[in-house]
């Protein structure tokens, strides 16, 4: 069971690397020595500015983004940055209070 978890994490890490251009998606099979079970995220690499606009138009998008962090698809950094920026924006407009 631990071995399968490590293999899954390695594949997720390699797909995150491919998303950011560190390795080619076509190179992943050669690295792991077998046909990968995953793929790059359908949405591609997130842009924080685009995510901010999405959150402005649809406040529920923030919650959906937080759920995506668990997917570990290489976009966690952009998701976390967007959530922090949304909190800062709302705080500056006195919409929320952080204690």
PDB file of N, CA and C in Angstrom:
ATOM      1  N   UNK A   1       0.824  -1.184   0.000  1.00  0.00           N
ATOM      2  CA  UNK A   1       0.000   0.000   0.000  1.00  0.00           C
ATOM      3  C   UNK A   1       0.876   1.259   0.000  1.00  0.00           C
ATOM      4  N   UNK A   2       1.922   1.296   0.814  1.00  0.00           N
ATOM      5  CA  UNK A   2       2.828   2.437   0.833  1.00  0.00           C
ATOM      6  C   UNK A   2       3.493   2.620  -0.525  1.00  0.00           C
ATOM      7  N   UNK A   3       3.871   1.502  -1.148  1.00  0.00           N
ATOM      8  CA  UNK A   3       4.512   1.576  -2.471  1.00  0.00           C
ATOM      9  C   UNK A   3       3.585   2.240  -3.478  1.00  0.00           C
ATOM     10  N   UNK A   4       2.311   1.839  -3.492  1.00  0.00           N
ATOM     11  CA  UNK A   4       1.351   2.444  -4.427  1.00  0.00           C
ATOM     12  C   UNK A   4       1.194   3.934  -4.178  1.00  0.00           C
ATOM     13  N   UNK A   5       1.191   4.331  -2.912  1.00  0.00           N
ATOM     14  CA  UNK A   5       1.082   5.750  -2.574  1.00  0.00           C
ATOM     15  C   UNK A   5       2.284   6.519  -3.106  1.00  0.00           C
ATOM     16  N   UNK A   6       3.466   5.953  -2.940  1.00  0.00           N
ATOM     17  CA  UNK A   6       4.675   6.613  -3.440  1.00  0.00           C
ATOM     18  C   UNK A   6       4.668   6.728  -4.954  1.00  0.00           C
ATOM     19  N   UNK A   7       4.216   5.682  -5.639  1.00  0.00           N
ATOM     20  CA  UNK A   7       4.133   5.716  -7.103  1.00  0.00           C
ATOM     21  C   UNK A   7       3.144   6.789  -7.544  1.00  0.00           C
ATOM     22  N   UNK A   8       1.993   6.864  -6.873  1.00  0.00           N
ATOM     23  CA  UNK A   8       0.989   7.880  -7.210  1.00  0.00           C
ATOM     24  C   UNK A   8       1.536   9.285  -6.983  1.00  0.00           C
ATOM     25  N   UNK A   9       2.210   9.490  -5.855  1.00  0.00           N
ATOM     26  CA  UNK A   9       2.774  10.809  -5.573  1.00  0.00           C
ATOM     27  C   UNK A   9       3.838  11.185  -6.586  1.00  0.00           C
ATOM     28  N   UNK A  10       4.638  10.211  -6.983  1.00  0.00           N
ATOM     29  CA  UNK A  10       5.691  10.487  -7.964  1.00  0.00           C
ATOM     30  C   UNK A  10       5.056  10.911  -9.294  1.00  0.00           C
ATOM     31  N   UNK A  11       3.993  10.229  -9.698  1.00  0.00           N
ATOM     32  CA  UNK A  11       3.323  10.600 -10.944  1.00  0.00           C
ATOM     33  C   UNK A  11       2.716  11.990 -10.833  1.00  0.00           C
ATOM     34  N   UNK A  12       2.068  12.285  -9.713  1.00  0.00           N
ATOM     35  CA  UNK A  12       1.473  13.607  -9.527  1.00  0.00           C
ATOM     36  C   UNK A  12       2.548  14.687  -9.571  1.00  0.00           C
ATOM     37  N   UNK A  13       3.681  14.415  -8.937  1.00  0.00           N
ATOM     38  CA  UNK A  13       4.784  15.370  -8.951  1.00  0.00           C
ATOM     39  C   UNK A  13       5.296  15.581 -10.373  1.00  0.00           C
ATOM     40  N   UNK A  14       5.450  14.503 -11.128  1.00  0.00           N
ATOM     41  CA  UNK A  14       5.946  14.629 -12.499  1.00  0.00           C
ATOM     42  C   UNK A  14       4.961  15.381 -13.389  1.00  0.00           C
ATOM     43  N   UNK A  15       3.669  15.163 -13.192  1.00  0.00           N
ATOM     44  CA  UNK A  15       2.694  15.917 -13.983  1.00  0.00           C
ATOM     45  C   UNK A  15       2.705  17.395 -13.592  1.00  0.00           C
ATOM     46  N   UNK A  16       2.922  17.703 -12.312  1.00  0.00           N
ATOM     47  CA  UNK A  16       3.068  19.100 -11.895  1.00  0.00           C
ATOM     48  C   UNK A  16       4.302  19.708 -12.548  1.00  0.00           C
ATOM     49  N   UNK A  17       5.392  18.939 -12.608  1.00  0.00           N
ATOM     50  CA  UNK A  17       6.613  19.419 -13.274  1.00  0.00           C
ATOM     51  C   UNK A  17       6.349  19.672 -14.759  1.00  0.00           C
ATOM     52  N   UNK A  18       5.597  18.792 -15.391  1.00  0.00           N
ATOM     53  CA  UNK A  18       5.274  18.964 -16.814  1.00  0.00           C
ATOM     54  C   UNK A  18       4.398  20.205 -17.018  1.00  0.00           C
ATOM     55  N   UNK A  19       3.475  20.439 -16.107  1.00  0.00           N
ATOM     56  CA  UNK A  19       2.602  21.612 -16.195  1.00  0.00           C
ATOM     57  C   UNK A  19       3.417  22.899 -16.191  1.00  0.00           C
ATOM     58  N   UNK A  20       4.504  22.898 -15.430  1.00  0.00           N
ATOM     59  CA  UNK A  20       5.342  24.090 -15.313  1.00  0.00           C
ATOM     60  C   UNK A  20       6.536  24.069 -16.262  1.00  0.00           C
ATOM     61  N   UNK A  21       6.566  23.086 -17.163  1.00  0.00           N
ATOM     62  CA  UNK A  21       7.587  23.059 -18.197  1.00  0.00           C
ATOM     63  C   UNK A  21       8.939  22.518 -17.762  1.00  0.00           C
ATOM     64  N   UNK A  22       9.008  21.870 -16.612  1.00  0.00           N
ATOM     65  CA  UNK A  22      10.275  21.321 -16.135  1.00  0.00           C
ATOM     66  C   UNK A  22      10.646  20.063 -16.912  1.00  0.00           C
ATOM     67  N   UNK A  23       9.658  19.236 -17.181  1.00  0.00           N
ATOM     68  CA  UNK A  23       9.845  18.045 -18.018  1.00  0.00           C
ATOM     69  C   UNK A  23       8.714  18.025 -19.043  1.00  0.00           C
ATOM     70  N   UNK A  24       8.913  17.290 -20.116  1.00  0.00           N
ATOM     71  CA  UNK A  24       7.857  17.144 -21.104  1.00  0.00           C
ATOM     72  C   UNK A  24       6.883  16.059 -20.679  1.00  0.00           C
ATOM     73  N   UNK A  25       5.613  16.251 -20.984  1.00  0.00           N
ATOM     74  CA  UNK A  25       4.615  15.234 -20.637  1.00  0.00           C
ATOM     75  C   UNK A  25       4.993  13.892 -21.243  1.00  0.00           C
ATOM     76  N   UNK A  26       5.579  13.937 -22.448  1.00  0.00           N
ATOM     77  CA  UNK A  26       5.961  12.697 -23.131  1.00  0.00           C
ATOM     78  C   UNK A  26       7.134  11.998 -22.445  1.00  0.00           C
ATOM     79  N   UNK A  27       7.850  12.692 -21.580  1.00  0.00           N
ATOM     80  CA  UNK A  27       9.001  12.116 -20.868  1.00  0.00           C
ATOM     81  C   UNK A  27       8.604  11.340 -19.616  1.00  0.00           C
ATOM     82  N   UNK A  28       7.401  11.543 -19.131  1.00  0.00           N
ATOM     83  CA  UNK A  28       6.988  10.949 -17.861  1.00  0.00           C
ATOM     84  C   UNK A  28       7.020   9.423 -17.922  1.00  0.00           C
ATOM     85  N   UNK A  29       6.554   8.842 -19.003  1.00  0.00           N
ATOM     86  CA  UNK A  29       6.552   7.381 -19.110  1.00  0.00           C
ATOM     87  C   UNK A  29       7.967   6.831 -18.987  1.00  0.00           C
ATOM     88  N   UNK A  30       8.923   7.456 -19.628  1.00  0.00           N
ATOM     89  CA  UNK A  30      10.306   7.001 -19.541  1.00  0.00           C
ATOM     90  C   UNK A  30      10.877   7.137 -18.146  1.00  0.00           C
ATOM     91  N   UNK A  31      10.461   8.163 -17.420  1.00  0.00           N
ATOM     92  CA  UNK A  31      10.974   8.391 -16.070  1.00  0.00           C
ATOM     93  C   UNK A  31      10.437   7.343 -15.100  1.00  0.00           C
ATOM     94  N   UNK A  32       9.136   7.061 -15.186  1.00  0.00           N
ATOM     95  CA  UNK A  32       8.555   6.107 -14.229  1.00  0.00           C
ATOM     96  C   UNK A  32       8.639   4.664 -14.711  1.00  0.00           C
ATOM     97  N   UNK A  33       8.958   4.465 -15.985  1.00  0.00           N
ATOM     98  CA  UNK A  33       9.142   3.112 -16.494  1.00  0.00           C
ATOM     99  C   UNK A  33       7.857   2.372 -16.803  1.00  0.00           C
ATOM    100  N   UNK A  34       6.753   3.074 -16.828  1.00  0.00           N
ATOM    101  CA  UNK A  34       5.465   2.458 -17.172  1.00  0.00           C
ATOM    102  C   UNK A  34       4.524   3.536 -17.682  1.00  0.00           C
ATOM    103  N   UNK A  35       3.414   3.125 -18.227  1.00  0.00           N
ATOM    104  CA  UNK A  35       2.421   4.060 -18.749  1.00  0.00           C
ATOM    105  C   UNK A  35       1.790   4.811 -17.573  1.00  0.00           C
ATOM    106  N   UNK A  36       1.862   6.132 -17.552  1.00  0.00           N
ATOM    107  CA  UNK A  36       1.279   6.880 -16.423  1.00  0.00           C
ATOM    108  C   UNK A  36      -0.233   6.777 -16.410  1.00  0.00           C
ATOM    109  N   UNK A  37      -0.782   6.794 -15.203  1.00  0.00           N
ATOM    110  CA  UNK A  37      -2.226   6.687 -15.034  1.00  0.00           C
ATOM    111  C   UNK A  37      -2.918   8.038 -15.100  1.00  0.00           C
ATOM    112  N   UNK A  38      -2.161   9.109 -14.952  1.00  0.00           N
ATOM    113  CA  UNK A  38      -2.748  10.444 -14.936  1.00  0.00           C
ATOM    114  C   UNK A  38      -2.483  11.206 -16.209  1.00  0.00           C
ATOM    115  N   UNK A  39      -2.774  12.481 -16.136  1.00  0.00           N
ATOM    116  CA  UNK A  39      -2.539  13.387 -17.265  1.00  0.00           C
ATOM    117  C   UNK A  39      -2.457  14.806 -16.711  1.00  0.00           C
ATOM    118  N   UNK A  40      -2.038  15.711 -17.558  1.00  0.00           N
ATOM    119  CA  UNK A  40      -2.014  17.115 -17.155  1.00  0.00           C
ATOM    120  C   UNK A  40      -3.441  17.586 -16.882  1.00  0.00           C
ATOM    121  N   UNK A  41      -3.599  18.574 -15.987  1.00  0.00           N
ATOM    122  CA  UNK A  41      -4.940  19.103 -15.727  1.00  0.00           C
ATOM    123  C   UNK A  41      -5.568  19.641 -17.007  1.00  0.00           C
ATOM    124  N   UNK A  42      -6.837  19.387 -17.164  1.00  0.00           N
ATOM    125  CA  UNK A  42      -7.558  19.823 -18.360  1.00  0.00           C
ATOM    126  C   UNK A  42      -7.516  21.347 -18.488  1.00  0.00           C
ATOM    127  N   UNK A  43      -7.593  22.041 -17.354  1.00  0.00           N
ATOM    128  CA  UNK A  43      -7.619  23.503 -17.368  1.00  0.00           C
ATOM    129  C   UNK A  43      -6.256  24.112 -17.675  1.00  0.00           C
ATOM    130  N   UNK A  44      -5.210  23.306 -17.635  1.00  0.00           N
ATOM    131  CA  UNK A  44      -3.871  23.829 -17.873  1.00  0.00           C
ATOM    132  C   UNK A  44      -3.352  24.578 -16.668  1.00  0.00           C
ATOM    133  N   UNK A  45      -2.311  25.362 -16.889  1.00  0.00           N
ATOM    134  CA  UNK A  45      -1.672  26.110 -15.805  1.00  0.00           C
ATOM    135  C   UNK A  45      -2.515  27.332 -15.476  1.00  0.00           C
ATOM    136  N   UNK A  46      -2.836  27.497 -14.201  1.00  0.00           N
ATOM    137  CA  UNK A  46      -3.652  28.621 -13.759  1.00  0.00           C
ATOM    138  C   UNK A  46      -2.863  29.924 -13.750  1.00  0.00           C
ATOM    139  N   UNK A  47      -3.568  31.010 -14.006  1.00  0.00           N
ATOM    140  CA  UNK A  47      -3.035  32.355 -13.904  1.00  0.00           C
ATOM    141  C   UNK A  47      -3.768  33.051 -12.763  1.00  0.00           C
ATOM    142  N   UNK A  48      -3.028  33.600 -11.813  1.00  0.00           N
ATOM    143  CA  UNK A  48      -3.632  34.215 -10.637  1.00  0.00           C
ATOM    144  C   UNK A  48      -4.589  35.341 -11.032  1.00  0.00           C
ATOM    145  N   UNK A  49      -4.218  36.149 -12.015  1.00  0.00           N
ATOM    146  CA  UNK A  49      -5.102  37.231 -12.463  1.00  0.00           C
ATOM    147  C   UNK A  49      -6.430  36.709 -12.988  1.00  0.00           C
ATOM    148  N   UNK A  50      -6.379  35.645 -13.778  1.00  0.00           N
ATOM    149  CA  UNK A  50      -7.619  35.037 -14.285  1.00  0.00           C
ATOM    150  C   UNK A  50      -8.463  34.482 -13.141  1.00  0.00           C
ATOM    151  N   UNK A  51      -7.797  33.826 -12.189  1.00  0.00           N
ATOM    152  CA  UNK A  51      -8.533  33.276 -11.054  1.00  0.00           C
ATOM    153  C   UNK A  51      -9.171  34.384 -10.222  1.00  0.00           C
ATOM    154  N   UNK A  52      -8.463  35.495 -10.052  1.00  0.00           N
ATOM    155  CA  UNK A  52      -9.032  36.630  -9.312  1.00  0.00           C
ATOM    156  C   UNK A  52     -10.290  37.141 -10.001  1.00  0.00           C
ATOM    157  N   UNK A  53     -10.248  37.251 -11.319  1.00  0.00           N
ATOM    158  CA  UNK A  53     -11.428  37.691 -12.070  1.00  0.00           C
ATOM    159  C   UNK A  53     -12.573  36.701 -11.918  1.00  0.00           C
ATOM    160  N   UNK A  54     -12.264  35.409 -11.969  1.00  0.00           N
ATOM    161  CA  UNK A  54     -13.297  34.389 -11.791  1.00  0.00           C
ATOM    162  C   UNK A  54     -13.941  34.511 -10.411  1.00  0.00           C
ATOM    163  N   UNK A  55     -13.119  34.726  -9.393  1.00  0.00           N
ATOM    164  CA  UNK A  55     -13.632  34.856  -8.025  1.00  0.00           C
ATOM    165  C   UNK A  55     -14.467  36.122  -7.860  1.00  0.00           C
ATOM    166  N   UNK A  56     -14.094  37.186  -8.549  1.00  0.00           N
ATOM    167  CA  UNK A  56     -14.871  38.427  -8.485  1.00  0.00           C
ATOM    168  C   UNK A  56     -16.251  38.233  -9.104  1.00  0.00           C
ATOM    169  N   UNK A  57     -16.304  37.463 -10.188  1.00  0.00           N
ATOM    170  CA  UNK A  57     -17.573  37.222 -10.881  1.00  0.00           C
ATOM    171  C   UNK A  57     -18.414  36.155 -10.170  1.00  0.00           C
ATOM    172  N   UNK A  58     -17.736  35.220  -9.503  1.00  0.00           N
ATOM    173  CA  UNK A  58     -18.419  34.099  -8.857  1.00  0.00           C
ATOM    174  C   UNK A  58     -17.748  33.814  -7.514  1.00  0.00           C
ATOM    175  N   UNK A  59     -18.248  34.402  -6.427  1.00  0.00           N
ATOM    176  CA  UNK A  59     -17.620  34.213  -5.116  1.00  0.00           C
ATOM    177  C   UNK A  59     -17.510  32.743  -4.681  1.00  0.00           C
ATOM    178  N   UNK A  60     -18.393  31.892  -5.168  1.00  0.00           N
ATOM    179  CA  UNK A  60     -18.322  30.471  -4.834  1.00  0.00           C
ATOM    180  C   UNK A  60     -17.104  29.796  -5.462  1.00  0.00           C
ATOM    181  N   UNK A  61     -16.479  30.459  -6.411  1.00  0.00           N
ATOM    182  CA  UNK A  61     -15.284  29.909  -7.062  1.00  0.00           C
ATOM    183  C   UNK A  61     -14.157  29.709  -6.053  1.00  0.00           C
ATOM    184  N   UNK A  62     -14.087  30.566  -5.027  1.00  0.00           N
ATOM    185  CA  UNK A  62     -13.043  30.438  -4.003  1.00  0.00           C
ATOM    186  C   UNK A  62     -13.153  29.074  -3.325  1.00  0.00           C
ATOM    187  N   UNK A  63     -14.357  28.700  -2.955  1.00  0.00           N
ATOM    188  CA  UNK A  63     -14.552  27.399  -2.295  1.00  0.00           C
ATOM    189  C   UNK A  63     -14.177  26.244  -3.218  1.00  0.00           C
ATOM    190  N   UNK A  64     -14.550  26.343  -4.476  1.00  0.00           N
ATOM    191  CA  UNK A  64     -14.196  25.281  -5.424  1.00  0.00           C
ATOM    192  C   UNK A  64     -12.678  25.209  -5.617  1.00  0.00           C
ATOM    193  N   UNK A  65     -12.019  26.360  -5.613  1.00  0.00           N
ATOM    194  CA  UNK A  65     -10.561  26.370  -5.727  1.00  0.00           C
ATOM    195  C   UNK A  65      -9.914  25.683  -4.538  1.00  0.00           C
ATOM    196  N   UNK A  66     -10.437  25.946  -3.343  1.00  0.00           N
ATOM    197  CA  UNK A  66      -9.886  25.306  -2.150  1.00  0.00           C
ATOM    198  C   UNK A  66     -10.022  23.785  -2.232  1.00  0.00           C
ATOM    199  N   UNK A  67     -11.102  23.321  -2.800  1.00  0.00           N
ATOM    200  CA  UNK A  67     -11.283  21.880  -2.973  1.00  0.00           C
ATOM    201  C   UNK A  67     -10.266  21.313  -3.961  1.00  0.00           C
ATOM    202  N   UNK A  68      -9.835  22.123  -4.918  1.00  0.00           N
ATOM    203  CA  UNK A  68      -8.870  21.664  -5.918  1.00  0.00           C
ATOM    204  C   UNK A  68      -7.477  21.448  -5.346  1.00  0.00           C
ATOM    205  N   UNK A  69      -7.158  22.093  -4.236  1.00  0.00           N
ATOM    206  CA  UNK A  69      -5.828  21.948  -3.648  1.00  0.00           C
ATOM    207  C   UNK A  69      -5.542  20.481  -3.343  1.00  0.00           C
ATOM    208  N   UNK A  70      -6.557  19.752  -2.908  1.00  0.00           N
ATOM    209  CA  UNK A  70      -6.376  18.341  -2.591  1.00  0.00           C
ATOM    210  C   UNK A  70      -6.001  17.523  -3.814  1.00  0.00           C
ATOM    211  N   UNK A  71      -6.324  18.010  -5.000  1.00  0.00           N
ATOM    212  CA  UNK A  71      -6.034  17.275  -6.224  1.00  0.00           C
ATOM    213  C   UNK A  71      -4.559  17.232  -6.563  1.00  0.00           C
ATOM    214  N   UNK A  72      -3.769  18.112  -5.997  1.00  0.00           N
ATOM    215  CA  UNK A  72      -2.318  18.170  -6.215  1.00  0.00           C
ATOM    216  C   UNK A  72      -1.988  18.042  -7.701  1.00  0.00           C
ATOM    217  N   UNK A  73      -2.561  18.921  -8.509  1.00  0.00           N
ATOM    218  CA  UNK A  73      -2.337  18.845  -9.952  1.00  0.00           C
ATOM    219  C   UNK A  73      -1.358  19.893 -10.450  1.00  0.00           C
ATOM    220  N   UNK A  74      -0.617  20.505  -9.553  1.00  0.00           N
ATOM    221  CA  UNK A  74       0.380  21.467  -9.980  1.00  0.00           C
ATOM    222  C   UNK A  74      -0.069  22.908  -9.934  1.00  0.00           C
ATOM    223  N   UNK A  75      -1.328  23.135  -9.621  1.00  0.00           N
ATOM    224  CA  UNK A  75      -1.855  24.495  -9.572  1.00  0.00           C
ATOM    225  C   UNK A  75      -2.075  24.990  -8.151  1.00  0.00           C
ATOM    226  N   UNK A  76      -1.619  24.246  -7.172  1.00  0.00           N
ATOM    227  CA  UNK A  76      -1.864  24.620  -5.776  1.00  0.00           C
ATOM    228  C   UNK A  76      -1.291  25.990  -5.441  1.00  0.00           C
ATOM    229  N   UNK A  77      -0.111  26.303  -5.952  1.00  0.00           N
ATOM    230  CA  UNK A  77       0.497  27.603  -5.674  1.00  0.00           C
ATOM    231  C   UNK A  77      -0.365  28.752  -6.147  1.00  0.00           C
ATOM    232  N   UNK A  78      -0.882  28.645  -7.359  1.00  0.00           N
ATOM    233  CA  UNK A  78      -1.746  29.699  -7.906  1.00  0.00           C
ATOM    234  C   UNK A  78      -3.058  29.779  -7.139  1.00  0.00           C
ATOM    235  N   UNK A  79      -3.591  28.637  -6.722  1.00  0.00           N
ATOM    236  CA  UNK A  79      -4.844  28.621  -5.970  1.00  0.00           C
ATOM    237  C   UNK A  79      -4.647  29.303  -4.624  1.00  0.00           C
ATOM    238  N   UNK A  80      -3.591  28.940  -3.908  1.00  0.00           N
ATOM    239  CA  UNK A  80      -3.340  29.534  -2.596  1.00  0.00           C
ATOM    240  C   UNK A  80      -3.095  31.031  -2.723  1.00  0.00           C
ATOM    241  N   UNK A  81      -2.323  31.425  -3.715  1.00  0.00           N
ATOM    242  CA  UNK A  81      -2.051  32.860  -3.932  1.00  0.00           C
ATOM    243  C   UNK A  81      -3.355  33.615  -4.199  1.00  0.00           C
ATOM    244  N   UNK A  82      -4.240  33.037  -4.994  1.00  0.00           N
ATOM    245  CA  UNK A  82      -5.515  33.675  -5.303  1.00  0.00           C
ATOM    246  C   UNK A  82      -6.367  33.824  -4.054  1.00  0.00           C
ATOM    247  N   UNK A  83      -6.457  32.764  -3.243  1.00  0.00           N
ATOM    248  CA  UNK A  83      -7.261  32.822  -2.024  1.00  0.00           C
ATOM    249  C   UNK A  83      -6.723  33.901  -1.084  1.00  0.00           C
ATOM    250  N   UNK A  84      -5.410  33.979  -0.939  1.00  0.00           N
ATOM    251  CA  UNK A  84      -4.804  35.016  -0.092  1.00  0.00           C
ATOM    252  C   UNK A  84      -5.135  36.400  -0.645  1.00  0.00           C
ATOM    253  N   UNK A  85      -5.024  36.577  -1.955  1.00  0.00           N
ATOM    254  CA  UNK A  85      -5.327  37.876  -2.564  1.00  0.00           C
ATOM    255  C   UNK A  85      -6.793  38.249  -2.374  1.00  0.00           C
ATOM    256  N   UNK A  86      -7.694  37.274  -2.473  1.00  0.00           N
ATOM    257  CA  UNK A  86      -9.123  37.533  -2.254  1.00  0.00           C
ATOM    258  C   UNK A  86      -9.354  37.972  -0.813  1.00  0.00           C
ATOM    259  N   UNK A  87      -8.709  37.290   0.134  1.00  0.00           N
ATOM    260  CA  UNK A  87      -8.849  37.673   1.542  1.00  0.00           C
ATOM    261  C   UNK A  87      -8.324  39.088   1.767  1.00  0.00           C
ATOM    262  N   UNK A  88      -7.151  39.402   1.222  1.00  0.00           N
ATOM    263  CA  UNK A  88      -6.578  40.741   1.362  1.00  0.00           C
ATOM    264  C   UNK A  88      -7.508  41.789   0.755  1.00  0.00           C
ATOM    265  N   UNK A  89      -8.057  41.491  -0.415  1.00  0.00           N
ATOM    266  CA  UNK A  89      -8.971  42.422  -1.087  1.00  0.00           C
ATOM    267  C   UNK A  89     -10.215  42.674  -0.233  1.00  0.00           C
ATOM    268  N   UNK A  90     -10.818  41.600   0.266  1.00  0.00           N
ATOM    269  CA  UNK A  90     -12.026  41.759   1.082  1.00  0.00           C
ATOM    270  C   UNK A  90     -11.720  42.455   2.401  1.00  0.00           C
ATOM    271  N   UNK A  91     -10.562  42.167   2.973  1.00  0.00           N
ATOM    272  CA  UNK A  91     -10.165  42.841   4.212  1.00  0.00           C
ATOM    273  C   UNK A  91      -9.994  44.342   3.985  1.00  0.00           C
ATOM    274  N   UNK A  92      -9.393  44.699   2.851  1.00  0.00           N
ATOM    275  CA  UNK A  92      -9.186  46.121   2.561  1.00  0.00           C
ATOM    276  C   UNK A  92     -10.503  46.850   2.334  1.00  0.00           C
ATOM    277  N   UNK A  93     -11.517  46.111   1.907  1.00  0.00           N
ATOM    278  CA  UNK A  93     -12.841  46.704   1.721  1.00  0.00           C
ATOM    279  C   UNK A  93     -13.725  46.512   2.951  1.00  0.00           C
ATOM    280  N   UNK A  94     -13.131  46.018   4.019  1.00  0.00           N
ATOM    281  CA  UNK A  94     -13.837  45.810   5.295  1.00  0.00           C
ATOM    282  C   UNK A  94     -14.996  44.831   5.160  1.00  0.00           C
ATOM    283  N   UNK A  95     -14.886  43.885   4.229  1.00  0.00           N
ATOM    284  CA  UNK A  95     -15.947  42.882   4.077  1.00  0.00           C
ATOM    285  C   UNK A  95     -15.764  41.723   5.041  1.00  0.00           C
ATOM    286  N   UNK A  96     -14.547  41.463   5.464  1.00  0.00           N
ATOM    287  CA  UNK A  96     -14.300  40.386   6.426  1.00  0.00           C
ATOM    288  C   UNK A  96     -13.326  40.896   7.481  1.00  0.00           C
ATOM    289  N   UNK A  97     -13.358  40.237   8.594  1.00  0.00           N
ATOM    290  CA  UNK A  97     -12.462  40.586   9.689  1.00  0.00           C
ATOM    291  C   UNK A  97     -11.620  39.371  10.018  1.00  0.00           C
ATOM    292  N   UNK A  98     -10.319  39.583  10.147  1.00  0.00           N
ATOM    293  CA  UNK A  98      -9.406  38.503  10.511  1.00  0.00           C
ATOM    294  C   UNK A  98      -8.933  38.781  11.919  1.00  0.00           C
ATOM    295  N   UNK A  99      -9.173  37.833  12.797  1.00  0.00           N
ATOM    296  CA  UNK A  99      -8.785  38.014  14.203  1.00  0.00           C
ATOM    297  C   UNK A  99      -7.467  37.336  14.459  1.00  0.00           C
TER     298      UNK A  99
END
